[in-house]
Amino acid sequence: MTTKPVADTIGQAAVWVSANEARAHAYHYRGRIYQWHKNDQLQAADDYTAALRLDPEIRMVRYRRACAYHELKKYAQAHADFAAAYDRTPDDPNLLNAWAWQLATCPEAKYRDGPLALKLAKKTKDRKTLAAAYAEIGEFDEAVAAQKRALQQLEDLPEPKNEQAAKRRRERTTQMQTQLAAYEAKQPYRDEE
């Protein structure tokens, strides 16, 4: 296997990695671009899969592919990747939050697990996910309280810097108010099918 020096994340030292590891990182970063900047979840998932074929130990890729699969409504694949990522990094707050959200709100019942969702959500700072987890287990008073705190946190943020950011905040507020109405009606929230 050919190895080549690659600069570390700080750029101060060279680290010897295999060509496959370097290619895996390239697929990983391209997948992030597709996922975050182009909103192309399918291409992102394909790139993450290619990265994992080259380097099964690459960090964060299973979590990011799980998020892409969730957006694609491929809940079985998302669930498997969330579980695999959790086995590797059980304290990552982004992973905990994303998986808790799926466990609490998935439209397919077999991928919901309210008690696990609540356990994971309690380890994050995301009140919206905590509210969804409480609602999933039928604790609607707690869900309403958590969702109201989430809405208050959103309202307390500084004013958006541009119209696009303001529009995203209005959309988020509307979605969170819809979720609050469900909890007040003693209904769990479900992601749209």
N, C-alpha and C. Protein backbone atom coordinates (compact mmCIF):
# COMPACT_ATOMS: atom_id res chain seq x y z
N MET A 1 0.85 -1.18 0.00
CA MET A 1 0.00 0.00 0.00
C MET A 1 0.89 1.24 0.00
N THR A 2 0.61 2.16 -0.84
CA THR A 2 1.39 3.39 -0.96
C THR A 2 0.97 4.35 0.14
N THR A 3 1.95 4.96 0.78
CA THR A 3 1.63 6.00 1.76
C THR A 3 2.25 7.31 1.30
N LYS A 4 1.57 8.37 1.65
CA LYS A 4 2.04 9.71 1.29
C LYS A 4 1.84 10.62 2.49
N PRO A 5 2.72 11.60 2.68
CA PRO A 5 2.50 12.52 3.79
C PRO A 5 1.33 13.46 3.49
N VAL A 6 0.50 13.63 4.47
CA VAL A 6 -0.63 14.55 4.37
C VAL A 6 -0.59 15.45 5.59
N ALA A 7 -0.76 16.75 5.40
CA ALA A 7 -0.72 17.67 6.53
C ALA A 7 -1.88 17.40 7.47
N ASP A 8 -1.63 17.53 8.77
CA ASP A 8 -2.72 17.34 9.73
C ASP A 8 -3.65 18.54 9.70
N THR A 9 -4.69 18.52 10.54
CA THR A 9 -5.71 19.56 10.49
C THR A 9 -5.17 20.94 10.85
N ILE A 10 -4.10 20.99 11.60
CA ILE A 10 -3.52 22.28 11.98
C ILE A 10 -2.53 22.73 10.91
N GLY A 11 -2.02 21.80 10.13
CA GLY A 11 -1.10 22.17 9.07
C GLY A 11 0.33 22.32 9.55
N GLN A 12 0.64 21.83 10.75
CA GLN A 12 1.99 22.00 11.29
C GLN A 12 2.86 20.77 11.12
N ALA A 13 2.25 19.60 10.95
CA ALA A 13 3.05 18.39 10.85
C ALA A 13 2.48 17.51 9.76
N ALA A 14 3.32 16.66 9.23
CA ALA A 14 2.86 15.71 8.22
C ALA A 14 2.54 14.38 8.91
N VAL A 15 1.49 13.74 8.45
CA VAL A 15 1.08 12.45 8.97
C VAL A 15 1.08 11.48 7.80
N TRP A 16 1.62 10.30 7.99
CA TRP A 16 1.67 9.32 6.90
C TRP A 16 0.34 8.59 6.85
N VAL A 17 -0.32 8.66 5.70
CA VAL A 17 -1.58 7.95 5.50
C VAL A 17 -1.52 7.20 4.18
N SER A 18 -2.36 6.20 4.08
CA SER A 18 -2.39 5.44 2.84
C SER A 18 -3.14 6.23 1.78
N ALA A 19 -2.93 5.82 0.54
CA ALA A 19 -3.65 6.46 -0.56
C ALA A 19 -5.16 6.25 -0.39
N ASN A 20 -5.56 5.06 0.09
CA ASN A 20 -6.99 4.80 0.30
C ASN A 20 -7.58 5.72 1.37
N GLU A 21 -6.82 5.96 2.43
CA GLU A 21 -7.30 6.88 3.46
C GLU A 21 -7.47 8.29 2.90
N ALA A 22 -6.51 8.71 2.09
CA ALA A 22 -6.60 10.05 1.48
C ALA A 22 -7.81 10.14 0.56
N ARG A 23 -8.04 9.12 -0.25
CA ARG A 23 -9.21 9.12 -1.13
C ARG A 23 -10.50 9.09 -0.32
N ALA A 24 -10.51 8.33 0.78
CA ALA A 24 -11.69 8.26 1.64
C ALA A 24 -12.03 9.65 2.18
N HIS A 25 -11.02 10.38 2.60
CA HIS A 25 -11.26 11.74 3.11
C HIS A 25 -11.77 12.66 2.01
N ALA A 26 -11.27 12.47 0.79
CA ALA A 26 -11.76 13.29 -0.33
C ALA A 26 -13.25 13.02 -0.57
N TYR A 27 -13.64 11.74 -0.56
CA TYR A 27 -15.06 11.42 -0.72
C TYR A 27 -15.89 11.99 0.43
N HIS A 28 -15.34 11.89 1.63
CA HIS A 28 -16.04 12.41 2.81
C HIS A 28 -16.30 13.91 2.67
N TYR A 29 -15.28 14.65 2.32
CA TYR A 29 -15.45 16.10 2.22
C TYR A 29 -16.34 16.50 1.04
N ARG A 30 -16.24 15.76 -0.06
CA ARG A 30 -17.15 16.05 -1.17
C ARG A 30 -18.59 15.75 -0.76
N GLY A 31 -18.79 14.65 -0.02
CA GLY A 31 -20.12 14.35 0.48
C GLY A 31 -20.67 15.46 1.35
N ARG A 32 -19.82 16.05 2.18
CA ARG A 32 -20.27 17.17 3.02
C ARG A 32 -20.71 18.35 2.18
N ILE A 33 -20.00 18.60 1.10
CA ILE A 33 -20.40 19.71 0.22
C ILE A 33 -21.76 19.42 -0.39
N TYR A 34 -21.95 18.20 -0.90
CA TYR A 34 -23.26 17.85 -1.47
C TYR A 34 -24.35 17.95 -0.41
N GLN A 35 -24.06 17.48 0.80
CA GLN A 35 -25.08 17.46 1.84
C GLN A 35 -25.42 18.86 2.34
N TRP A 36 -24.44 19.66 2.64
CA TRP A 36 -24.68 20.93 3.31
C TRP A 36 -24.90 22.09 2.36
N HIS A 37 -24.19 22.10 1.25
CA HIS A 37 -24.24 23.27 0.38
C HIS A 37 -25.13 23.08 -0.85
N LYS A 38 -25.26 21.84 -1.29
CA LYS A 38 -26.08 21.60 -2.47
C LYS A 38 -27.39 20.90 -2.14
N ASN A 39 -27.54 20.47 -0.89
CA ASN A 39 -28.73 19.75 -0.43
C ASN A 39 -29.04 18.55 -1.33
N ASP A 40 -28.01 17.87 -1.76
CA ASP A 40 -28.13 16.67 -2.57
C ASP A 40 -27.79 15.48 -1.68
N GLN A 41 -28.78 14.99 -0.96
CA GLN A 41 -28.56 13.94 0.03
C GLN A 41 -28.17 12.61 -0.62
N LEU A 42 -28.71 12.34 -1.79
CA LEU A 42 -28.40 11.09 -2.47
C LEU A 42 -26.92 11.03 -2.87
N GLN A 43 -26.42 12.10 -3.47
CA GLN A 43 -25.00 12.12 -3.85
C GLN A 43 -24.13 12.10 -2.61
N ALA A 44 -24.55 12.79 -1.56
CA ALA A 44 -23.78 12.78 -0.31
C ALA A 44 -23.68 11.36 0.23
N ALA A 45 -24.81 10.65 0.28
CA ALA A 45 -24.81 9.27 0.79
C ALA A 45 -23.91 8.38 -0.06
N ASP A 46 -23.94 8.57 -1.37
CA ASP A 46 -23.06 7.79 -2.26
C ASP A 46 -21.59 8.07 -1.97
N ASP A 47 -21.24 9.34 -1.77
CA ASP A 47 -19.85 9.68 -1.46
C ASP A 47 -19.44 9.13 -0.10
N TYR A 48 -20.32 9.19 0.88
CA TYR A 48 -20.00 8.64 2.20
C TYR A 48 -19.80 7.12 2.11
N THR A 49 -20.61 6.46 1.29
CA THR A 49 -20.46 5.02 1.11
C THR A 49 -19.11 4.71 0.47
N ALA A 50 -18.72 5.49 -0.52
CA ALA A 50 -17.41 5.30 -1.15
C ALA A 50 -16.29 5.51 -0.13
N ALA A 51 -16.43 6.51 0.72
CA ALA A 51 -15.42 6.77 1.75
C ALA A 51 -15.30 5.58 2.70
N LEU A 52 -16.42 5.03 3.11
CA LEU A 52 -16.40 3.89 4.03
C LEU A 52 -15.82 2.64 3.39
N ARG A 53 -16.04 2.46 2.09
CA ARG A 53 -15.43 1.32 1.40
C ARG A 53 -13.90 1.42 1.45
N LEU A 54 -13.39 2.62 1.30
CA LEU A 54 -11.95 2.83 1.30
C LEU A 54 -11.35 2.81 2.70
N ASP A 55 -12.10 3.32 3.67
CA ASP A 55 -11.61 3.40 5.04
C ASP A 55 -12.77 3.22 6.01
N PRO A 56 -13.05 1.98 6.41
CA PRO A 56 -14.20 1.72 7.30
C PRO A 56 -14.10 2.41 8.66
N GLU A 57 -12.92 2.88 9.03
CA GLU A 57 -12.74 3.51 10.34
C GLU A 57 -12.83 5.03 10.29
N ILE A 58 -13.09 5.60 9.13
CA ILE A 58 -13.11 7.06 8.99
C ILE A 58 -14.15 7.67 9.94
N ARG A 59 -13.76 8.72 10.61
CA ARG A 59 -14.62 9.34 11.64
C ARG A 59 -15.76 10.15 11.03
N MET A 60 -16.89 10.13 11.68
CA MET A 60 -18.06 10.97 11.42
C MET A 60 -18.85 10.60 10.16
N VAL A 61 -18.33 9.72 9.32
CA VAL A 61 -19.00 9.45 8.06
C VAL A 61 -20.30 8.68 8.26
N ARG A 62 -20.31 7.72 9.18
CA ARG A 62 -21.56 6.98 9.42
C ARG A 62 -22.66 7.91 9.94
N TYR A 63 -22.29 8.82 10.82
CA TYR A 63 -23.26 9.80 11.33
C TYR A 63 -23.79 10.67 10.19
N ARG A 64 -22.90 11.18 9.37
CA ARG A 64 -23.34 12.06 8.29
C ARG A 64 -24.16 11.30 7.25
N ARG A 65 -23.78 10.05 6.97
CA ARG A 65 -24.57 9.26 6.03
C ARG A 65 -25.94 8.95 6.64
N ALA A 66 -26.00 8.71 7.94
CA ALA A 66 -27.29 8.49 8.61
C ALA A 66 -28.20 9.70 8.43
N CYS A 67 -27.65 10.89 8.58
CA CYS A 67 -28.45 12.12 8.40
C CYS A 67 -28.95 12.23 6.96
N ALA A 68 -28.08 11.88 6.01
CA ALA A 68 -28.50 11.92 4.60
C ALA A 68 -29.62 10.90 4.36
N TYR A 69 -29.44 9.69 4.87
CA TYR A 69 -30.49 8.67 4.71
C TYR A 69 -31.80 9.10 5.36
N HIS A 70 -31.70 9.75 6.52
CA HIS A 70 -32.93 10.23 7.18
C HIS A 70 -33.66 11.22 6.27
N GLU A 71 -32.92 12.15 5.69
CA GLU A 71 -33.53 13.13 4.79
C GLU A 71 -34.13 12.46 3.55
N LEU A 72 -33.53 11.36 3.12
CA LEU A 72 -34.04 10.61 1.98
C LEU A 72 -35.18 9.67 2.36
N LYS A 73 -35.53 9.66 3.65
CA LYS A 73 -36.58 8.80 4.19
C LYS A 73 -36.23 7.32 4.06
N LYS A 74 -34.95 7.03 4.09
CA LYS A 74 -34.45 5.66 4.12
C LYS A 74 -34.12 5.35 5.58
N TYR A 75 -35.19 5.15 6.35
CA TYR A 75 -35.06 5.09 7.80
C TYR A 75 -34.30 3.87 8.29
N ALA A 76 -34.42 2.74 7.61
CA ALA A 76 -33.68 1.54 8.03
C ALA A 76 -32.18 1.78 7.94
N GLN A 77 -31.74 2.34 6.80
CA GLN A 77 -30.32 2.62 6.63
C GLN A 77 -29.86 3.69 7.62
N ALA A 78 -30.69 4.70 7.83
CA ALA A 78 -30.33 5.74 8.80
C ALA A 78 -30.18 5.14 10.19
N HIS A 79 -31.13 4.31 10.57
CA HIS A 79 -31.08 3.70 11.90
C HIS A 79 -29.80 2.87 12.08
N ALA A 80 -29.47 2.07 11.07
CA ALA A 80 -28.26 1.24 11.15
C ALA A 80 -27.01 2.10 11.28
N ASP A 81 -26.93 3.17 10.50
CA ASP A 81 -25.76 4.04 10.58
C ASP A 81 -25.71 4.81 11.90
N PHE A 82 -26.86 5.28 12.37
CA PHE A 82 -26.86 5.96 13.68
C PHE A 82 -26.34 5.02 14.76
N ALA A 83 -26.82 3.77 14.76
CA ALA A 83 -26.39 2.80 15.77
C ALA A 83 -24.90 2.51 15.67
N ALA A 84 -24.40 2.35 14.44
CA ALA A 84 -22.96 2.10 14.25
C ALA A 84 -22.13 3.30 14.70
N ALA A 85 -22.59 4.49 14.37
CA ALA A 85 -21.86 5.70 14.78
C ALA A 85 -21.88 5.84 16.30
N TYR A 86 -23.02 5.51 16.91
CA TYR A 86 -23.14 5.60 18.37
C TYR A 86 -22.17 4.65 19.06
N ASP A 87 -21.99 3.45 18.48
CA ASP A 87 -21.03 2.50 19.05
C ASP A 87 -19.62 3.08 19.07
N ARG A 88 -19.29 3.90 18.08
CA ARG A 88 -17.95 4.48 17.97
C ARG A 88 -17.79 5.77 18.78
N THR A 89 -18.81 6.62 18.75
CA THR A 89 -18.71 7.93 19.42
C THR A 89 -19.99 8.20 20.20
N PRO A 90 -20.17 7.54 21.35
CA PRO A 90 -21.43 7.65 22.08
C PRO A 90 -21.68 9.00 22.76
N ASP A 91 -20.72 9.89 22.73
CA ASP A 91 -20.89 11.18 23.39
C ASP A 91 -20.96 12.35 22.43
N ASP A 92 -21.02 12.10 21.13
CA ASP A 92 -21.08 13.19 20.16
C ASP A 92 -22.46 13.84 20.21
N PRO A 93 -22.56 15.11 20.60
CA PRO A 93 -23.88 15.74 20.77
C PRO A 93 -24.69 15.84 19.47
N ASN A 94 -24.02 16.05 18.35
CA ASN A 94 -24.75 16.12 17.08
C ASN A 94 -25.36 14.77 16.73
N LEU A 95 -24.60 13.72 16.90
CA LEU A 95 -25.10 12.37 16.67
C LEU A 95 -26.27 12.06 17.60
N LEU A 96 -26.09 12.33 18.89
CA LEU A 96 -27.14 12.05 19.87
C LEU A 96 -28.43 12.78 19.49
N ASN A 97 -28.30 14.03 19.10
CA ASN A 97 -29.47 14.83 18.75
C ASN A 97 -30.17 14.30 17.50
N ALA A 98 -29.39 14.02 16.46
CA ALA A 98 -29.98 13.54 15.21
C ALA A 98 -30.67 12.19 15.38
N TRP A 99 -30.02 11.28 16.10
CA TRP A 99 -30.62 9.96 16.28
C TRP A 99 -31.84 10.05 17.19
N ALA A 100 -31.76 10.86 18.24
CA ALA A 100 -32.92 11.04 19.13
C ALA A 100 -34.10 11.59 18.34
N TRP A 101 -33.84 12.52 17.43
CA TRP A 101 -34.93 13.07 16.61
C TRP A 101 -35.60 11.96 15.80
N GLN A 102 -34.79 11.13 15.14
CA GLN A 102 -35.40 10.04 14.36
C GLN A 102 -36.15 9.08 15.27
N LEU A 103 -35.57 8.73 16.40
CA LEU A 103 -36.22 7.79 17.32
C LEU A 103 -37.55 8.33 17.87
N ALA A 104 -37.68 9.64 17.92
CA ALA A 104 -38.90 10.25 18.46
C ALA A 104 -39.93 10.60 17.40
N THR A 105 -39.50 10.87 16.17
CA THR A 105 -40.42 11.45 15.18
C THR A 105 -40.58 10.65 13.90
N CYS A 106 -39.90 9.54 13.77
CA CYS A 106 -39.93 8.79 12.51
C CYS A 106 -41.37 8.36 12.17
N PRO A 107 -41.80 8.57 10.94
CA PRO A 107 -43.15 8.15 10.56
C PRO A 107 -43.33 6.63 10.56
N GLU A 108 -42.24 5.88 10.49
CA GLU A 108 -42.31 4.43 10.53
C GLU A 108 -42.08 3.97 11.97
N ALA A 109 -43.12 3.38 12.57
CA ALA A 109 -43.11 3.04 13.99
C ALA A 109 -41.94 2.14 14.39
N LYS A 110 -41.53 1.25 13.51
CA LYS A 110 -40.47 0.31 13.91
C LYS A 110 -39.13 1.00 14.14
N TYR A 111 -38.99 2.24 13.71
CA TYR A 111 -37.75 2.98 13.96
C TYR A 111 -37.90 4.02 15.06
N ARG A 112 -39.01 3.97 15.77
CA ARG A 112 -39.20 4.86 16.93
C ARG A 112 -38.89 4.09 18.21
N ASP A 113 -38.30 4.77 19.15
CA ASP A 113 -38.00 4.21 20.47
C ASP A 113 -37.97 5.38 21.44
N GLY A 114 -39.13 5.67 22.03
CA GLY A 114 -39.25 6.83 22.91
C GLY A 114 -38.28 6.85 24.07
N PRO A 115 -38.16 5.74 24.83
CA PRO A 115 -37.22 5.77 25.96
C PRO A 115 -35.77 6.05 25.53
N LEU A 116 -35.34 5.43 24.44
CA LEU A 116 -33.97 5.69 23.98
C LEU A 116 -33.86 7.12 23.46
N ALA A 117 -34.88 7.60 22.76
CA ALA A 117 -34.87 8.98 22.28
C ALA A 117 -34.70 9.95 23.45
N LEU A 118 -35.44 9.72 24.51
CA LEU A 118 -35.36 10.61 25.68
C LEU A 118 -33.98 10.53 26.33
N LYS A 119 -33.45 9.32 26.45
CA LYS A 119 -32.11 9.16 27.04
C LYS A 119 -31.07 9.95 26.24
N LEU A 120 -31.12 9.83 24.93
CA LEU A 120 -30.15 10.54 24.09
C LEU A 120 -30.39 12.05 24.10
N ALA A 121 -31.66 12.45 24.02
CA ALA A 121 -32.00 13.88 23.98
C ALA A 121 -31.58 14.60 25.25
N LYS A 122 -31.65 13.92 26.37
CA LYS A 122 -31.25 14.54 27.64
C LYS A 122 -29.76 14.85 27.68
N LYS A 123 -28.98 14.21 26.82
CA LYS A 123 -27.53 14.45 26.78
C LYS A 123 -27.17 15.61 25.85
N THR A 124 -28.15 16.16 25.16
CA THR A 124 -27.90 17.28 24.24
C THR A 124 -28.50 18.55 24.84
N LYS A 125 -28.30 19.65 24.15
CA LYS A 125 -28.87 20.92 24.59
C LYS A 125 -30.05 21.34 23.72
N ASP A 126 -30.52 20.44 22.86
CA ASP A 126 -31.58 20.77 21.92
C ASP A 126 -32.94 20.53 22.56
N ARG A 127 -33.61 21.60 22.93
CA ARG A 127 -34.92 21.50 23.60
C ARG A 127 -36.00 20.98 22.66
N LYS A 128 -35.89 21.27 21.38
CA LYS A 128 -36.88 20.80 20.40
C LYS A 128 -36.87 19.28 20.33
N THR A 129 -35.69 18.67 20.31
CA THR A 129 -35.58 17.22 20.28
C THR A 129 -36.04 16.63 21.61
N LEU A 130 -35.70 17.29 22.70
CA LEU A 130 -36.15 16.82 24.00
C LEU A 130 -37.68 16.83 24.06
N ALA A 131 -38.30 17.86 23.54
CA ALA A 131 -39.76 17.94 23.51
C ALA A 131 -40.35 16.79 22.70
N ALA A 132 -39.78 16.51 21.55
CA ALA A 132 -40.27 15.41 20.70
C ALA A 132 -40.14 14.08 21.43
N ALA A 133 -39.04 13.88 22.14
CA ALA A 133 -38.85 12.63 22.88
C ALA A 133 -39.87 12.49 24.01
N TYR A 134 -40.10 13.58 24.75
CA TYR A 134 -41.13 13.53 25.80
C TYR A 134 -42.50 13.21 25.21
N ALA A 135 -42.82 13.81 24.09
CA ALA A 135 -44.12 13.56 23.46
C ALA A 135 -44.23 12.11 23.02
N GLU A 136 -43.15 11.55 22.51
CA GLU A 136 -43.18 10.16 22.04
C GLU A 136 -43.50 9.19 23.17
N ILE A 137 -43.09 9.51 24.39
CA ILE A 137 -43.41 8.61 25.51
C ILE A 137 -44.67 9.05 26.27
N GLY A 138 -45.37 10.04 25.73
CA GLY A 138 -46.64 10.44 26.32
C GLY A 138 -46.55 11.44 27.45
N GLU A 139 -45.38 12.03 27.67
CA GLU A 139 -45.22 13.04 28.72
C GLU A 139 -45.40 14.42 28.08
N PHE A 140 -46.66 14.75 27.82
CA PHE A 140 -46.96 15.94 27.01
C PHE A 140 -46.74 17.24 27.77
N ASP A 141 -46.94 17.28 29.09
CA ASP A 141 -46.67 18.50 29.84
C ASP A 141 -45.18 18.87 29.73
N GLU A 142 -44.32 17.86 29.85
CA GLU A 142 -42.88 18.09 29.71
C GLU A 142 -42.54 18.49 28.27
N ALA A 143 -43.23 17.88 27.31
CA ALA A 143 -42.99 18.21 25.90
C ALA A 143 -43.35 19.66 25.63
N VAL A 144 -44.49 20.10 26.13
CA VAL A 144 -44.93 21.48 25.93
C VAL A 144 -43.92 22.44 26.57
N ALA A 145 -43.52 22.15 27.79
CA ALA A 145 -42.56 23.03 28.48
C ALA A 145 -41.24 23.11 27.72
N ALA A 146 -40.72 21.96 27.26
CA ALA A 146 -39.45 21.95 26.53
C ALA A 146 -39.58 22.70 25.20
N GLN A 147 -40.71 22.52 24.51
CA GLN A 147 -40.89 23.19 23.22
C GLN A 147 -41.02 24.70 23.41
N LYS A 148 -41.68 25.13 24.47
CA LYS A 148 -41.77 26.57 24.74
C LYS A 148 -40.40 27.15 25.03
N ARG A 149 -39.56 26.40 25.75
CA ARG A 149 -38.19 26.87 26.00
C ARG A 149 -37.41 26.93 24.69
N ALA A 150 -37.62 25.96 23.81
CA ALA A 150 -36.94 25.96 22.50
C ALA A 150 -37.35 27.19 21.69
N LEU A 151 -38.63 27.48 21.69
CA LEU A 151 -39.12 28.67 20.97
C LEU A 151 -38.55 29.95 21.57
N GLN A 152 -38.45 30.01 22.89
CA GLN A 152 -37.89 31.18 23.55
C GLN A 152 -36.41 31.34 23.19
N GLN A 153 -35.68 30.22 23.15
CA GLN A 153 -34.26 30.29 22.76
C GLN A 153 -34.13 30.83 21.34
N LEU A 154 -35.00 30.40 20.46
CA LEU A 154 -34.96 30.89 19.08
C LEU A 154 -35.27 32.38 19.03
N GLU A 155 -36.25 32.80 19.80
CA GLU A 155 -36.63 34.22 19.83
C GLU A 155 -35.52 35.08 20.42
N ASP A 156 -34.74 34.54 21.34
CA ASP A 156 -33.68 35.30 22.01
C ASP A 156 -32.41 35.44 21.17
N LEU A 157 -32.33 34.74 20.05
CA LEU A 157 -31.15 34.86 19.20
C LEU A 157 -31.08 36.26 18.60
N PRO A 158 -29.88 36.71 18.25
CA PRO A 158 -29.76 38.02 17.59
C PRO A 158 -30.54 38.03 16.28
N GLU A 159 -30.89 39.22 15.85
CA GLU A 159 -31.63 39.38 14.60
C GLU A 159 -30.82 38.79 13.44
N PRO A 160 -31.50 38.14 12.51
CA PRO A 160 -30.79 37.60 11.34
C PRO A 160 -30.13 38.72 10.55
N LYS A 161 -28.99 38.38 9.92
CA LYS A 161 -28.20 39.39 9.21
C LYS A 161 -28.68 39.66 7.80
N ASN A 162 -29.48 38.76 7.24
CA ASN A 162 -29.96 38.99 5.87
C ASN A 162 -31.35 38.38 5.72
N GLU A 163 -31.98 38.66 4.60
CA GLU A 163 -33.35 38.20 4.37
C GLU A 163 -33.45 36.69 4.30
N GLN A 164 -32.45 36.04 3.73
CA GLN A 164 -32.48 34.58 3.63
C GLN A 164 -32.46 33.96 5.03
N ALA A 165 -31.62 34.48 5.90
CA ALA A 165 -31.56 33.98 7.27
C ALA A 165 -32.85 34.28 8.01
N ALA A 166 -33.43 35.44 7.77
CA ALA A 166 -34.71 35.79 8.40
C ALA A 166 -35.81 34.84 7.93
N LYS A 167 -35.80 34.50 6.65
CA LYS A 167 -36.80 33.58 6.12
C LYS A 167 -36.65 32.20 6.76
N ARG A 168 -35.40 31.72 6.88
CA ARG A 168 -35.17 30.41 7.52
C ARG A 168 -35.66 30.42 8.96
N ARG A 169 -35.44 31.54 9.66
CA ARG A 169 -35.89 31.61 11.06
C ARG A 169 -37.41 31.60 11.13
N ARG A 170 -38.07 32.33 10.24
CA ARG A 170 -39.55 32.32 10.23
C ARG A 170 -40.08 30.91 9.96
N GLU A 171 -39.45 30.22 9.01
CA GLU A 171 -39.88 28.84 8.71
C GLU A 171 -39.66 27.92 9.90
N ARG A 172 -38.53 28.08 10.54
CA ARG A 172 -38.24 27.26 11.74
C ARG A 172 -39.23 27.56 12.85
N THR A 173 -39.53 28.83 13.06
CA THR A 173 -40.50 29.21 14.09
C THR A 173 -41.86 28.61 13.80
N THR A 174 -42.30 28.68 12.55
CA THR A 174 -43.59 28.11 12.16
C THR A 174 -43.61 26.61 12.41
N GLN A 175 -42.53 25.92 12.04
CA GLN A 175 -42.47 24.47 12.25
C GLN A 175 -42.52 24.15 13.75
N MET A 176 -41.79 24.91 14.53
CA MET A 176 -41.77 24.65 15.97
C MET A 176 -43.12 24.95 16.61
N GLN A 177 -43.84 25.94 16.12
CA GLN A 177 -45.18 26.23 16.63
C GLN A 177 -46.15 25.11 16.26
N THR A 178 -45.98 24.53 15.08
CA THR A 178 -46.79 23.38 14.68
C THR A 178 -46.53 22.21 15.62
N GLN A 179 -45.27 21.98 15.94
CA GLN A 179 -44.93 20.91 16.88
C GLN A 179 -45.53 21.18 18.25
N LEU A 180 -45.44 22.42 18.71
CA LEU A 180 -46.02 22.79 20.00
C LEU A 180 -47.52 22.52 20.02
N ALA A 181 -48.21 22.88 18.95
CA ALA A 181 -49.66 22.64 18.87
C ALA A 181 -49.97 21.15 18.98
N ALA A 182 -49.14 20.31 18.37
CA ALA A 182 -49.35 18.86 18.48
C ALA A 182 -49.20 18.41 19.92
N TYR A 183 -48.18 18.89 20.60
CA TYR A 183 -47.96 18.48 21.99
C TYR A 183 -49.08 18.98 22.89
N GLU A 184 -49.55 20.19 22.64
CA GLU A 184 -50.66 20.72 23.43
C GLU A 184 -51.94 19.90 23.20
N ALA A 185 -52.06 19.32 22.01
CA ALA A 185 -53.20 18.46 21.68
C ALA A 185 -52.95 17.01 22.11
N LYS A 186 -51.85 16.79 22.84
CA LYS A 186 -51.48 15.47 23.35
C LYS A 186 -51.21 14.48 22.20
N GLN A 187 -50.49 14.98 21.20
CA GLN A 187 -50.10 14.18 20.04
C GLN A 187 -48.59 14.27 19.87
N PRO A 188 -47.93 13.14 19.59
CA PRO A 188 -46.51 13.22 19.24
C PRO A 188 -46.35 13.82 17.86
N TYR A 189 -45.19 14.35 17.61
CA TYR A 189 -44.89 14.93 16.29
C TYR A 189 -44.27 13.87 15.41
N ARG A 190 -44.63 13.86 14.14
CA ARG A 190 -44.04 12.96 13.16
C ARG A 190 -43.44 13.77 12.03
N ASP A 191 -42.22 13.39 11.63
CA ASP A 191 -41.64 13.99 10.42
C ASP A 191 -42.61 13.72 9.28
N GLU A 192 -42.62 14.61 8.32
CA GLU A 192 -43.51 14.44 7.17
C GLU A 192 -43.13 13.23 6.37
N GLU A 193 -44.11 12.51 5.92
CA GLU A 193 -43.84 11.31 5.10
C GLU A 193 -43.74 11.71 3.65
